[in-house]
Amino acid sequence: MTIPEKQQQVLEELELFQDWTERYEYVISLGKRLPPLAGTAKTPEHLIKGCQSQVWLDAVSEAGKVRYFADSDSLITKGMIALFIRVLDDESPDAILQADMSFIERTGLKEHLAPTRANALTLMATQMKQRALAFATSLS
């Protein structure tokens, strides 16, 4: 499945819910399903700076694909990073770098979040692309 197809799938799933409370519960449930992040990865260098909550992001390159791992001390923030992982995980660095992350605008999540949490969405997407760029650079 391509990144745009994964993005469309997320949008369609969110549309199934009637109100924002249900959508947030769904996003939180995605975060709860994230595999645990190794305690050794909860370091300052893995912390996404600028987020209201603590969000740790780790990434590895496996067979030319980027694998992401994350955690947060906030359930909603953990759910939001889970959305991004669902879309970008196990993709090539080039595909991640070319991905149009404006799909998050179409979810409507930003409009229903506090400004600091909405800003976190942009920071998360940026950090994920920066990790992919580092892997792309090391592969060339």
C-alpha atoms as a PDB file:
ATOM      1  CA  MET A   1       0.000   0.000   0.000  1.00  0.00           C
ATOM      2  CA  THR A   2       1.392   3.428  -0.938  1.00  0.00           C
ATOM      3  CA  ILE A   3       1.616   6.388   1.435  1.00  0.00           C
ATOM      4  CA  PRO A   4      -1.320   8.196  -0.267  1.00  0.00           C
ATOM      5  CA  GLU A   5      -3.396   4.997   0.007  1.00  0.00           C
ATOM      6  CA  LYS A   6      -2.575   4.699   3.718  1.00  0.00           C
ATOM      7  CA  GLN A   7      -3.491   8.367   4.194  1.00  0.00           C
ATOM      8  CA  GLN A   8      -6.826   7.819   2.445  1.00  0.00           C
ATOM      9  CA  GLN A   9      -7.511   4.794   4.622  1.00  0.00           C
ATOM     10  CA  VAL A  10      -6.918   6.864   7.791  1.00  0.00           C
ATOM     11  CA  LEU A  11      -9.239   9.609   6.504  1.00  0.00           C
ATOM     12  CA  GLU A  12     -11.967   7.084   5.691  1.00  0.00           C
ATOM     13  CA  GLU A  13     -11.685   5.494   9.130  1.00  0.00           C
ATOM     14  CA  LEU A  14     -11.980   8.867  10.864  1.00  0.00           C
ATOM     15  CA  GLU A  15     -15.070   9.695   8.779  1.00  0.00           C
ATOM     16  CA  LEU A  16     -16.839   6.664  10.284  1.00  0.00           C
ATOM     17  CA  PHE A  17     -17.113   8.473  13.615  1.00  0.00           C
ATOM     18  CA  GLN A  18     -19.999  10.848  14.177  1.00  0.00           C
ATOM     19  CA  ASP A  19     -18.406  13.323  16.560  1.00  0.00           C
ATOM     20  CA  TRP A  20     -15.017  14.523  17.717  1.00  0.00           C
ATOM     21  CA  THR A  21     -15.153  12.661  21.005  1.00  0.00           C
ATOM     22  CA  GLU A  22     -15.380   9.377  19.098  1.00  0.00           C
ATOM     23  CA  ARG A  23     -12.568  10.430  16.747  1.00  0.00           C
ATOM     24  CA  TYR A  24     -10.308  11.305  19.659  1.00  0.00           C
ATOM     25  CA  GLU A  25     -11.095   7.990  21.337  1.00  0.00           C
ATOM     26  CA  TYR A  26     -10.089   6.267  18.101  1.00  0.00           C
ATOM     27  CA  VAL A  27      -6.829   8.233  17.857  1.00  0.00           C
ATOM     28  CA  ILE A  28      -6.058   7.428  21.499  1.00  0.00           C
ATOM     29  CA  SER A  29      -6.722   3.735  20.814  1.00  0.00           C
ATOM     30  CA  LEU A  30      -4.151   3.852  17.992  1.00  0.00           C
ATOM     31  CA  GLY A  31      -1.597   5.202  20.432  1.00  0.00           C
ATOM     32  CA  LYS A  32      -2.373   2.475  22.936  1.00  0.00           C
ATOM     33  CA  ARG A  33      -1.622  -0.115  20.254  1.00  0.00           C
ATOM     34  CA  LEU A  34       1.866   1.239  19.545  1.00  0.00           C
ATOM     35  CA  PRO A  35       4.545  -1.249  20.543  1.00  0.00           C
ATOM     36  CA  PRO A  36       6.369  -0.135  23.697  1.00  0.00           C
ATOM     37  CA  LEU A  37       9.378   2.073  23.066  1.00  0.00           C
ATOM     38  CA  ALA A  38      12.545   0.726  24.621  1.00  0.00           C
ATOM     39  CA  GLY A  39      13.486   2.670  27.735  1.00  0.00           C
ATOM     40  CA  THR A  40      16.929   3.212  26.235  1.00  0.00           C
ATOM     41  CA  ALA A  41      15.281   5.203  23.408  1.00  0.00           C
ATOM     42  CA  LYS A  42      13.667   7.670  25.816  1.00  0.00           C
ATOM     43  CA  THR A  43      16.627  10.008  25.648  1.00  0.00           C
ATOM     44  CA  PRO A  44      16.945  13.755  24.995  1.00  0.00           C
ATOM     45  CA  GLU A  45      18.163  13.120  21.433  1.00  0.00           C
ATOM     46  CA  HIS A  46      14.946  11.209  20.643  1.00  0.00           C
ATOM     47  CA  LEU A  47      12.695  13.845  22.211  1.00  0.00           C
ATOM     48  CA  ILE A  48      10.744  15.987  19.729  1.00  0.00           C
ATOM     49  CA  LYS A  49      11.474  19.498  20.878  1.00  0.00           C
ATOM     50  CA  GLY A  50       8.676  22.053  20.949  1.00  0.00           C
ATOM     51  CA  CYS A  51       5.843  19.679  21.803  1.00  0.00           C
ATOM     52  CA  GLN A  52       3.767  20.448  24.878  1.00  0.00           C
ATOM     53  CA  SER A  53       3.962  16.781  25.890  1.00  0.00           C
ATOM     54  CA  GLN A  54       7.037  14.629  25.835  1.00  0.00           C
ATOM     55  CA  VAL A  55       7.216  12.710  22.561  1.00  0.00           C
ATOM     56  CA  TRP A  56      10.075  10.361  21.792  1.00  0.00           C
ATOM     57  CA  LEU A  57      10.742   9.249  18.219  1.00  0.00           C
ATOM     58  CA  ASP A  58      13.237   6.614  17.191  1.00  0.00           C
ATOM     59  CA  ALA A  59      13.877   5.267  13.709  1.00  0.00           C
ATOM     60  CA  VAL A  60      15.975   2.541  12.169  1.00  0.00           C
ATOM     61  CA  SER A  61      16.730   1.558   8.616  1.00  0.00           C
ATOM     62  CA  GLU A  62      15.927  -2.048   7.724  1.00  0.00           C
ATOM     63  CA  ALA A  63      16.459  -3.337   4.194  1.00  0.00           C
ATOM     64  CA  GLY A  64      16.162   0.166   2.741  1.00  0.00           C
ATOM     65  CA  LYS A  65      12.959   0.972   4.639  1.00  0.00           C
ATOM     66  CA  VAL A  66      12.495   3.275   7.622  1.00  0.00           C
ATOM     67  CA  ARG A  67      10.950   1.775  10.743  1.00  0.00           C
ATOM     68  CA  TYR A  68       9.596   4.226  13.326  1.00  0.00           C
ATOM     69  CA  PHE A  69       9.049   3.754  17.048  1.00  0.00           C
ATOM     70  CA  ALA A  70       7.520   6.321  19.375  1.00  0.00           C
ATOM     71  CA  ASP A  71       5.995   7.028  22.745  1.00  0.00           C
ATOM     72  CA  SER A  72       4.508   9.980  24.587  1.00  0.00           C
ATOM     73  CA  ASP A  73       3.458  10.866  28.099  1.00  0.00           C
ATOM     74  CA  SER A  74       0.115  12.070  26.671  1.00  0.00           C
ATOM     75  CA  LEU A  75      -2.478   9.659  25.290  1.00  0.00           C
ATOM     76  CA  ILE A  76      -3.732  12.006  22.550  1.00  0.00           C
ATOM     77  CA  THR A  77      -0.189  12.889  21.476  1.00  0.00           C
ATOM     78  CA  LYS A  78       0.768   9.227  21.406  1.00  0.00           C
ATOM     79  CA  GLY A  79      -2.264   8.615  19.204  1.00  0.00           C
ATOM     80  CA  MET A  80      -1.279  11.411  16.841  1.00  0.00           C
ATOM     81  CA  ILE A  81       2.264  10.061  16.405  1.00  0.00           C
ATOM     82  CA  ALA A  82       0.693   6.613  15.877  1.00  0.00           C
ATOM     83  CA  LEU A  83      -1.250   8.077  12.922  1.00  0.00           C
ATOM     84  CA  PHE A  84       1.994   9.269  11.346  1.00  0.00           C
ATOM     85  CA  ILE A  85       3.732   5.962  12.026  1.00  0.00           C
ATOM     86  CA  ARG A  86       0.862   4.111  10.423  1.00  0.00           C
ATOM     87  CA  VAL A  87       1.307   6.182   7.268  1.00  0.00           C
ATOM     88  CA  LEU A  88       5.122   6.399   7.059  1.00  0.00           C
ATOM     89  CA  ASP A  89       6.427   3.237   8.714  1.00  0.00           C
ATOM     90  CA  ASP A  90       8.143   0.639   6.537  1.00  0.00           C
ATOM     91  CA  GLU A  91       8.501   3.006   3.580  1.00  0.00           C
ATOM     92  CA  SER A  92      11.653   4.005   1.708  1.00  0.00           C
ATOM     93  CA  PRO A  93      13.353   7.242   2.758  1.00  0.00           C
ATOM     94  CA  ASP A  94      12.599   8.750  -0.670  1.00  0.00           C
ATOM     95  CA  ALA A  95       8.888   7.920  -0.433  1.00  0.00           C
ATOM     96  CA  ILE A  96       8.748   9.497   3.036  1.00  0.00           C
ATOM     97  CA  LEU A  97      10.552  12.622   1.874  1.00  0.00           C
ATOM     98  CA  GLN A  98       8.138  13.014  -1.052  1.00  0.00           C
ATOM     99  CA  ALA A  99       5.031  12.344   1.055  1.00  0.00           C
ATOM    100  CA  ASP A 100       2.484  15.148   1.219  1.00  0.00           C
ATOM    101  CA  MET A 101       1.751  15.388   4.915  1.00  0.00           C
ATOM    102  CA  SER A 102      -1.053  17.895   4.420  1.00  0.00           C
ATOM    103  CA  PHE A 103      -3.437  14.934   4.732  1.00  0.00           C
ATOM    104  CA  ILE A 104      -3.395  15.682   8.457  1.00  0.00           C
ATOM    105  CA  GLU A 105      -5.219  18.938   7.664  1.00  0.00           C
ATOM    106  CA  ARG A 106      -7.996  16.899   6.051  1.00  0.00           C
ATOM    107  CA  THR A 107      -8.482  14.876   9.247  1.00  0.00           C
ATOM    108  CA  GLY A 108      -9.776  18.010  10.963  1.00  0.00           C
ATOM    109  CA  LEU A 109      -7.735  17.157  14.055  1.00  0.00           C
ATOM    110  CA  LYS A 110      -5.831  20.442  14.050  1.00  0.00           C
ATOM    111  CA  GLU A 111      -8.988  22.533  14.341  1.00  0.00           C
ATOM    112  CA  HIS A 112     -10.090  20.623  17.430  1.00  0.00           C
ATOM    113  CA  LEU A 113      -6.783  20.705  19.283  1.00  0.00           C
ATOM    114  CA  ALA A 114      -5.233  23.380  21.449  1.00  0.00           C
ATOM    115  CA  PRO A 115      -2.753  25.426  19.360  1.00  0.00           C
ATOM    116  CA  THR A 116       0.240  23.862  21.113  1.00  0.00           C
ATOM    117  CA  ARG A 117      -0.996  20.347  20.348  1.00  0.00           C
ATOM    118  CA  ALA A 118      -1.810  21.305  16.754  1.00  0.00           C
ATOM    119  CA  ASN A 119       1.749  22.604  16.386  1.00  0.00           C
ATOM    120  CA  ALA A 120       2.981  19.220  17.611  1.00  0.00           C
ATOM    121  CA  LEU A 121       1.527  17.583  14.486  1.00  0.00           C
ATOM    122  CA  THR A 122       3.790  19.691  12.290  1.00  0.00           C
ATOM    123  CA  LEU A 123       6.793  19.010  14.526  1.00  0.00           C
ATOM    124  CA  MET A 124       6.174  15.256  14.424  1.00  0.00           C
ATOM    125  CA  ALA A 125       5.903  15.172  10.618  1.00  0.00           C
ATOM    126  CA  THR A 126       9.055  17.286  10.314  1.00  0.00           C
ATOM    127  CA  GLN A 127      11.034  15.026  12.653  1.00  0.00           C
ATOM    128  CA  MET A 128       9.934  11.910  10.812  1.00  0.00           C
ATOM    129  CA  LYS A 129      11.025  13.399   7.501  1.00  0.00           C
ATOM    130  CA  GLN A 130      14.354  14.471   9.020  1.00  0.00           C
ATOM    131  CA  ARG A 131      15.012  10.889  10.152  1.00  0.00           C
ATOM    132  CA  ALA A 132      14.206   9.662   6.639  1.00  0.00           C
ATOM    133  CA  LEU A 133      16.544  12.285   5.174  1.00  0.00           C
ATOM    134  CA  ALA A 134      19.363  11.055   7.401  1.00  0.00           C
ATOM    135  CA  PHE A 135      18.826   7.494   6.130  1.00  0.00           C
ATOM    136  CA  ALA A 136      18.542   8.667   2.503  1.00  0.00           C
ATOM    137  CA  THR A 137      21.808  10.561   2.840  1.00  0.00           C
ATOM    138  CA  SER A 138      23.589   7.551   4.359  1.00  0.00           C
ATOM    139  CA  LEU A 139      22.337   5.278   1.544  1.00  0.00           C
ATOM    140  CA  SER A 140      23.646   7.495  -1.261  1.00  0.00           C
END
